[in-house]
Protein backbone atom coordinates (compact mmCIF):
# COMPACT_ATOMS: atom_id res chain seq x y z
CA MET A 1 -64.28 46.56 94.68
CA THR A 2 -61.56 46.52 97.31
CA SER A 3 -61.26 49.00 100.09
CA PRO A 4 -58.12 51.09 100.64
CA LYS A 5 -57.28 48.98 103.69
CA GLN A 6 -57.44 45.80 101.60
CA ALA A 7 -55.27 47.38 98.95
CA LEU A 8 -52.68 48.27 101.57
CA ALA A 9 -52.89 44.81 103.05
CA HIS A 10 -52.10 43.19 99.65
CA PRO A 11 -49.17 44.97 97.99
CA ALA A 12 -48.50 44.64 94.24
CA SER A 13 -47.12 41.25 93.35
CA SER A 14 -44.43 40.42 90.81
CA VAL A 15 -47.09 39.87 88.17
CA GLU A 16 -49.06 43.04 88.89
CA ALA A 17 -46.46 45.78 89.03
CA ALA A 18 -47.17 48.92 91.07
CA PRO A 19 -48.57 51.93 89.21
CA GLY A 20 -45.87 54.03 87.63
CA SER A 21 -43.35 51.19 87.38
CA GLN A 22 -41.90 50.27 84.00
CA PRO A 23 -43.25 47.15 82.23
CA GLY A 24 -41.14 44.12 82.95
CA ALA A 25 -39.46 45.70 85.96
CA ALA A 26 -40.58 42.85 88.17
CA ARG A 27 -38.84 40.36 85.83
CA GLY A 28 -35.47 42.05 85.90
CA ALA A 29 -33.84 44.72 83.81
CA ASP A 30 -32.96 42.35 80.98
CA GLY A 31 -36.47 40.83 80.80
CA ARG A 32 -35.16 37.29 81.26
CA GLY A 33 -35.75 36.94 84.99
CA THR A 34 -33.48 37.27 87.97
CA PRO A 35 -31.26 34.68 89.66
CA PRO A 36 -33.05 32.57 92.26
CA GLU A 37 -32.51 33.93 95.75
CA GLY A 38 -31.43 31.89 98.69
CA LYS A 39 -29.64 29.23 96.59
CA GLY A 40 -26.07 30.30 97.29
CA PRO A 41 -23.57 32.44 95.40
CA TRP A 42 -22.44 29.60 93.11
CA ARG A 43 -26.04 29.20 91.83
CA SER A 44 -26.13 32.90 91.04
CA ARG A 45 -22.83 32.73 89.15
CA LEU A 46 -23.98 29.64 87.27
CA TYR A 47 -27.18 31.41 86.28
CA ARG A 48 -25.34 34.46 84.97
CA TRP A 49 -22.89 32.26 83.07
CA ASP A 50 -25.80 30.37 81.52
CA MET A 51 -27.46 33.59 80.36
CA LYS A 52 -24.26 34.79 78.70
CA ALA A 53 -22.98 31.53 77.23
CA SER A 54 -26.20 29.87 76.02
CA PRO A 55 -26.51 31.85 72.75
CA TYR A 56 -22.93 30.97 71.79
CA VAL A 57 -23.51 27.30 72.59
CA PHE A 58 -26.58 27.25 70.35
CA ILE A 59 -24.75 28.67 67.32
CA ALA A 60 -21.50 26.78 67.95
CA PRO A 61 -22.48 23.63 65.92
CA PHE A 62 -22.79 25.67 62.73
CA PHE A 63 -19.35 27.22 63.12
CA VAL A 64 -17.78 23.89 64.07
CA ILE A 65 -19.22 22.17 60.98
CA PHE A 66 -18.40 25.15 58.76
CA GLY A 67 -14.82 25.23 60.02
CA ALA A 68 -14.30 21.48 59.68
CA PHE A 69 -15.89 20.95 56.27
CA SER A 70 -15.53 24.36 54.57
CA LEU A 71 -12.88 26.61 56.07
CA VAL A 72 -10.19 23.99 56.70
CA PRO A 73 -10.52 22.41 53.20
CA LEU A 74 -10.50 25.89 51.67
CA LEU A 75 -7.26 26.82 53.41
CA TYR A 76 -5.75 23.42 52.66
CA THR A 77 -6.63 23.87 48.99
CA ALA A 78 -4.87 27.23 49.03
CA TRP A 79 -1.79 25.49 50.45
CA TYR A 80 -1.98 22.80 47.75
CA SER A 81 -2.24 25.45 45.03
CA LEU A 82 1.24 26.67 46.00
CA HIS A 83 2.79 23.19 45.71
CA ASP A 84 3.40 20.57 43.08
CA VAL A 85 1.19 17.73 44.37
CA GLN A 86 0.27 14.55 42.49
CA LEU A 87 -2.69 12.36 43.34
CA SER A 88 -0.51 9.24 43.25
CA SER A 89 1.94 10.62 45.85
CA LEU A 90 0.18 12.91 48.31
CA ASP A 91 3.02 12.72 50.83
CA THR A 92 5.47 14.21 48.34
CA GLN A 93 4.95 17.95 48.00
CA THR A 94 7.28 20.37 46.26
CA TRP A 95 7.04 24.11 46.77
CA ALA A 96 5.97 25.75 43.50
CA GLY A 97 4.95 29.24 44.60
CA LEU A 98 2.74 30.89 42.01
CA ASP A 99 3.82 28.56 39.19
CA ASN A 100 0.44 26.81 39.10
CA TYR A 101 -1.33 30.15 38.63
CA LYS A 102 1.17 31.22 35.96
CA ASN A 103 0.58 27.96 34.11
CA LEU A 104 -3.15 28.59 34.21
CA LEU A 105 -2.81 32.06 32.74
CA SER A 106 -0.69 30.68 29.91
CA SER A 107 -2.93 27.64 29.29
CA ASP A 108 -5.30 27.69 26.33
CA PHE A 109 -7.47 25.07 28.02
CA PHE A 110 -8.06 27.35 31.00
CA TRP A 111 -9.16 30.28 28.84
CA ASN A 112 -11.31 27.95 26.74
CA ALA A 113 -12.99 26.63 29.91
CA LEU A 114 -13.50 30.19 31.17
CA LYS A 115 -15.05 31.22 27.84
CA ASN A 116 -17.33 28.17 27.80
CA THR A 117 -18.41 28.85 31.38
CA PHE A 118 -19.31 32.42 30.45
CA THR A 119 -21.21 31.52 27.26
CA ILE A 120 -23.12 28.60 28.81
CA GLY A 121 -23.94 30.77 31.82
CA LEU A 122 -25.21 33.56 29.56
CA ILE A 123 -27.26 31.22 27.37
CA SER A 124 -28.82 29.51 30.37
CA THR A 125 -29.32 32.46 32.73
CA VAL A 126 -31.01 35.05 30.50
CA PRO A 127 -33.80 32.84 29.03
CA GLN A 128 -34.24 31.11 32.36
CA LEU A 129 -34.91 34.29 34.33
CA MET A 130 -37.07 35.83 31.62
CA ALA A 131 -39.25 32.71 31.46
CA ALA A 132 -39.38 32.60 35.27
CA ILE A 133 -40.69 36.18 35.46
CA GLY A 134 -43.33 35.42 32.83
CA LEU A 135 -44.51 32.28 34.61
CA ALA A 136 -44.60 34.05 37.96
CA HIS A 137 -46.62 36.90 36.43
CA MET A 138 -49.22 34.45 35.12
CA LEU A 139 -49.42 32.58 38.43
CA ASN A 140 -49.78 35.85 40.29
CA TYR A 141 -53.32 36.14 38.94
CA ARG A 142 -56.08 33.94 40.26
CA LEU A 143 -55.94 30.67 38.35
CA ARG A 144 -57.76 27.43 38.93
CA GLY A 145 -55.49 24.92 40.63
CA SER A 146 -52.74 27.46 41.24
CA THR A 147 -51.24 25.28 43.97
CA VAL A 148 -50.99 22.35 41.55
CA TRP A 149 -49.21 24.51 38.97
CA ARG A 150 -46.72 25.69 41.58
CA VAL A 151 -45.92 22.12 42.56
CA VAL A 152 -45.54 21.16 38.90
CA MET A 153 -43.09 24.01 38.33
CA LEU A 154 -40.99 22.88 41.28
CA THR A 155 -40.84 19.27 40.04
CA PRO A 156 -37.85 19.78 37.67
CA TYR A 157 -35.85 21.25 40.55
CA ALA A 158 -36.58 18.16 42.64
CA THR A 159 -35.46 15.86 39.81
CA SER A 160 -31.91 14.55 40.11
CA VAL A 161 -29.25 15.87 37.75
CA ALA A 162 -28.49 12.36 36.47
CA ALA A 163 -32.11 11.60 35.54
CA ALA A 164 -32.66 14.97 33.86
CA THR A 165 -29.41 14.78 31.89
CA LEU A 166 -30.16 11.23 30.76
CA VAL A 167 -33.53 12.30 29.36
CA PHE A 168 -32.02 15.29 27.53
CA THR A 169 -29.21 13.13 26.18
CA LEU A 170 -31.82 10.89 24.58
CA LEU A 171 -33.69 13.92 23.22
CA TYR A 172 -30.51 15.32 21.62
CA SER A 173 -29.33 11.96 20.31
CA TRP A 174 -27.89 11.98 16.77
CA ASP A 175 -29.91 8.95 15.68
CA GLY A 176 -33.50 8.79 16.81
CA GLY A 177 -33.49 11.85 19.02
CA MET A 178 -36.75 13.77 19.18
CA VAL A 179 -35.06 17.14 18.63
CA ASN A 180 -33.43 16.04 15.38
CA TRP A 181 -36.70 14.39 14.35
CA LEU A 182 -38.50 17.71 14.77
CA LEU A 183 -35.77 19.53 12.85
CA ASP A 184 -36.03 17.02 10.01
CA PHE A 185 -39.82 17.40 10.08
CA VAL A 186 -39.53 21.14 9.37
CA GLY A 187 -36.82 20.62 6.73
CA ILE A 188 -33.67 21.37 8.77
CA ASP A 189 -30.69 19.02 8.68
CA PRO A 190 -30.01 17.09 11.90
CA ILE A 191 -27.37 18.49 14.23
CA ASN A 192 -24.71 16.52 16.05
CA TRP A 193 -25.40 18.12 19.41
CA ARG A 194 -22.46 16.55 21.22
CA GLU A 195 -19.78 17.44 18.68
CA SER A 196 -20.82 20.90 17.52
CA ASP A 197 -19.62 23.94 19.46
CA TRP A 198 -22.77 26.00 19.86
CA GLY A 199 -25.04 22.98 19.63
CA SER A 200 -23.43 21.25 22.62
CA GLN A 201 -23.45 24.43 24.69
CA PHE A 202 -27.09 25.04 23.83
CA ALA A 203 -27.96 21.45 24.79
CA VAL A 204 -26.24 21.77 28.18
CA SER A 205 -27.88 25.15 28.76
CA SER A 206 -31.32 23.72 28.01
CA ILE A 207 -30.87 21.22 30.86
CA VAL A 208 -30.04 24.06 33.26
CA ILE A 209 -33.00 26.12 32.00
CA TRP A 210 -35.41 23.20 32.46
CA ARG A 211 -34.23 22.47 36.00
CA TRP A 212 -34.09 25.98 37.44
CA THR A 213 -36.83 28.00 35.72
CA GLY A 214 -39.60 26.82 38.04
CA TYR A 215 -37.48 27.41 41.12
CA ASN A 216 -36.78 31.03 40.16
CA ALA A 217 -40.44 31.49 39.16
CA LEU A 218 -41.55 30.67 42.69
CA ILE A 219 -39.05 33.19 44.07
CA TYR A 220 -40.45 35.87 41.75
CA LEU A 221 -44.01 34.84 42.65
CA ALA A 222 -43.31 35.31 46.36
CA ALA A 223 -41.86 38.77 45.65
CA MET A 224 -44.84 39.71 43.45
CA GLN A 225 -47.33 38.80 46.15
CA ALA A 226 -45.55 41.19 48.50
CA ILE A 227 -46.15 44.15 46.15
CA PRO A 228 -48.92 46.42 47.54
CA ALA A 229 -52.19 46.17 45.62
CA ASP A 230 -52.59 49.94 45.85
CA LEU A 231 -49.90 50.39 43.22
CA TYR A 232 -51.83 48.28 40.70
CA GLU A 233 -55.08 50.07 41.54
CA SER A 234 -53.45 53.46 40.99
CA ALA A 235 -51.98 52.28 37.69
CA ALA A 236 -55.37 50.93 36.58
CA ILE A 237 -57.05 54.26 37.45
CA ASP A 238 -54.44 56.02 35.29
CA GLY A 239 -55.47 53.77 32.39
CA ALA A 240 -52.57 51.29 32.38
CA ASN A 241 -53.34 47.84 31.03
CA ARG A 242 -51.84 44.63 32.42
CA TRP A 243 -48.73 44.81 30.23
CA GLN A 244 -48.06 48.40 31.25
CA GLN A 245 -48.64 47.50 34.89
CA PHE A 246 -46.12 44.70 34.53
CA LEU A 247 -43.48 47.00 33.02
CA HIS A 248 -43.98 50.03 35.24
CA VAL A 249 -45.09 48.48 38.53
CA THR A 250 -44.05 44.83 38.78
CA VAL A 251 -40.56 44.98 37.26
CA PRO A 252 -39.38 48.04 39.26
CA GLN A 253 -40.61 46.45 42.49
CA LEU A 254 -38.78 43.22 41.60
CA ARG A 255 -35.37 44.82 41.10
CA PRO A 256 -33.80 43.50 44.33
CA THR A 257 -35.20 40.02 43.68
CA ILE A 258 -34.05 40.05 40.07
CA LEU A 259 -30.57 41.08 41.18
CA PHE A 260 -30.55 38.26 43.73
CA THR A 261 -31.54 35.62 41.16
CA VAL A 262 -29.00 36.95 38.66
CA VAL A 263 -26.20 36.64 41.22
CA VAL A 264 -27.28 33.17 42.36
CA SER A 265 -27.65 31.95 38.76
CA THR A 266 -24.24 33.38 37.88
CA ILE A 267 -22.65 31.58 40.82
CA GLY A 268 -24.38 28.36 39.76
CA ALA A 269 -23.16 28.79 36.17
CA THR A 270 -19.60 29.32 37.40
CA GLN A 271 -19.79 26.05 39.32
CA LEU A 272 -21.58 24.11 36.54
CA PHE A 273 -20.37 20.53 36.63
CA GLY A 274 -22.96 17.73 36.69
CA GLU A 275 -24.88 18.55 33.51
CA PRO A 276 -21.92 18.76 31.07
CA LEU A 277 -20.16 15.81 32.73
CA LEU A 278 -23.12 13.47 32.28
CA PHE A 279 -24.09 14.88 28.89
CA GLY A 280 -20.67 14.10 27.41
CA GLY A 281 -20.67 10.44 28.39
CA VAL A 282 -17.19 8.94 28.04
CA SER A 283 -15.64 12.26 27.09
CA GLY A 284 -17.66 14.20 29.67
CA SER A 285 -14.68 15.18 31.82
CA LYS A 286 -12.99 16.66 28.74
CA GLY A 287 -16.08 18.63 27.78
CA GLY A 288 -16.35 16.89 24.41
CA SER A 289 -13.76 15.68 21.93
CA GLU A 290 -12.61 19.26 21.27
CA HIS A 291 -13.31 20.64 24.77
CA GLN A 292 -16.18 22.57 23.20
CA TYR A 293 -18.30 22.64 26.38
CA GLN A 294 -15.69 22.09 29.07
CA THR A 295 -16.45 24.41 32.00
CA LEU A 296 -14.15 25.46 34.83
CA GLY A 297 -15.67 22.78 37.05
CA LEU A 298 -14.94 20.09 34.46
CA TYR A 299 -11.44 21.44 33.89
CA MET A 300 -10.72 21.29 37.62
CA TYR A 301 -12.09 17.73 37.81
CA ASP A 302 -10.05 16.65 34.79
CA GLN A 303 -6.82 18.07 36.19
CA GLY A 304 -7.35 16.78 39.71
CA TRP A 305 -8.91 13.33 39.31
CA ILE A 306 -8.18 12.25 35.75
CA ILE A 307 -4.66 13.62 35.26
CA GLY A 308 -3.89 13.68 39.00
CA ASN A 309 -2.34 17.14 39.25
CA LEU A 310 -3.87 18.30 42.53
CA GLY A 311 -1.74 21.44 42.71
CA LYS A 312 -3.09 22.76 39.43
CA ALA A 313 -6.63 21.66 40.30
CA SER A 314 -6.38 23.61 43.57
CA ALA A 315 -5.24 26.68 41.64
CA ILE A 316 -8.30 26.33 39.38
CA ALA A 317 -10.53 26.06 42.46
CA TRP A 318 -9.10 29.27 43.91
CA SER A 319 -9.44 31.00 40.55
CA MET A 320 -13.14 30.11 40.61
CA PHE A 321 -13.34 31.43 44.18
CA LEU A 322 -11.79 34.75 43.10
CA ILE A 323 -14.28 34.99 40.22
CA LEU A 324 -17.13 34.51 42.70
CA LEU A 325 -15.68 37.26 44.90
CA ILE A 326 -15.67 39.60 41.90
CA ILE A 327 -19.30 38.71 41.23
CA ALA A 328 -20.16 39.42 44.87
CA ALA A 329 -18.39 42.79 44.68
CA ILE A 330 -20.33 43.72 41.55
CA ASN A 331 -23.53 42.68 43.30
CA LEU A 332 -22.69 44.94 46.24
CA LEU A 333 -22.01 47.93 43.99
CA VAL A 334 -25.21 47.45 41.99
CA THR A 335 -27.25 47.02 45.18
CA ARG A 336 -25.91 50.30 46.57
CA ARG A 337 -26.70 52.06 43.30
CA LEU A 338 -30.26 50.75 43.40
CA ARG A 339 -30.73 51.91 47.00
CA LYS A 340 -29.45 55.36 46.17
CA SER A 341 -31.71 55.60 43.11
CA GLN A 342 -34.75 54.70 45.22
């Protein structure tokens, strides 16, 4: 113990604040320390400038890279979409106004690509997310080697698009493909997957489903593990079995996550490019001989790099961007509705 005289002889230091003082008062009002004293006014100004400018310096690289590689190309593409620009003569630009957009609205190929993008996105998104929820629900229970199963589910996502599409192209081959062999085994005539309308779209969708189901399952699994166990215990006390718990506890708690995966999958379907391009082989950029699975991404690539009409390709790119903005607006409205309902 220290006597009162000793306490008066040793006043409270900067570490041990005096009784009644606010925590952190010795370190300055902002909690980040005070400028060093006795170093001159320029040191004090430099210190204050460092405290104010450091956060902006730390985040500046992101905005510089985003502006150089995203914002500037986006604006330049918008400028190209208002001109008649050919790939063979980039220096020659003719003002076209909204003619490129008018040509798109009157083009049957554009509407065909938009329809194919919607159908392939629907065929690939709905089964994909349903299977992902089922897999996540099974992995949410205690299984032997659960970590191994999670890694296995993420393996298709880590596989390159070229390798996955090559394997599925061999599976859907007209002669000797395993899928047609199985169909013939059960008495169904073989299908020309590349040339048929629904067959080619189903084949492309199956590649997307295989690659992204495990990825979405892990997202759902992380959301399921955040659900309080008390809800399941209360449901079990009320007599609900596992299926009823899944419908009335798990699914309602997963609504924000389900909405997020739906939006992300829809954006990915709108930008679908690699799978149909590689699946079609020589006619991949056309989306098949009859454009039966040509998406908006393929249509933009065909107009810009095969035909060389960069003005029209830029208009297609901005049309896709407007579609994504509409999807984002719908997502915002649905999210607000869900928050109000809760």
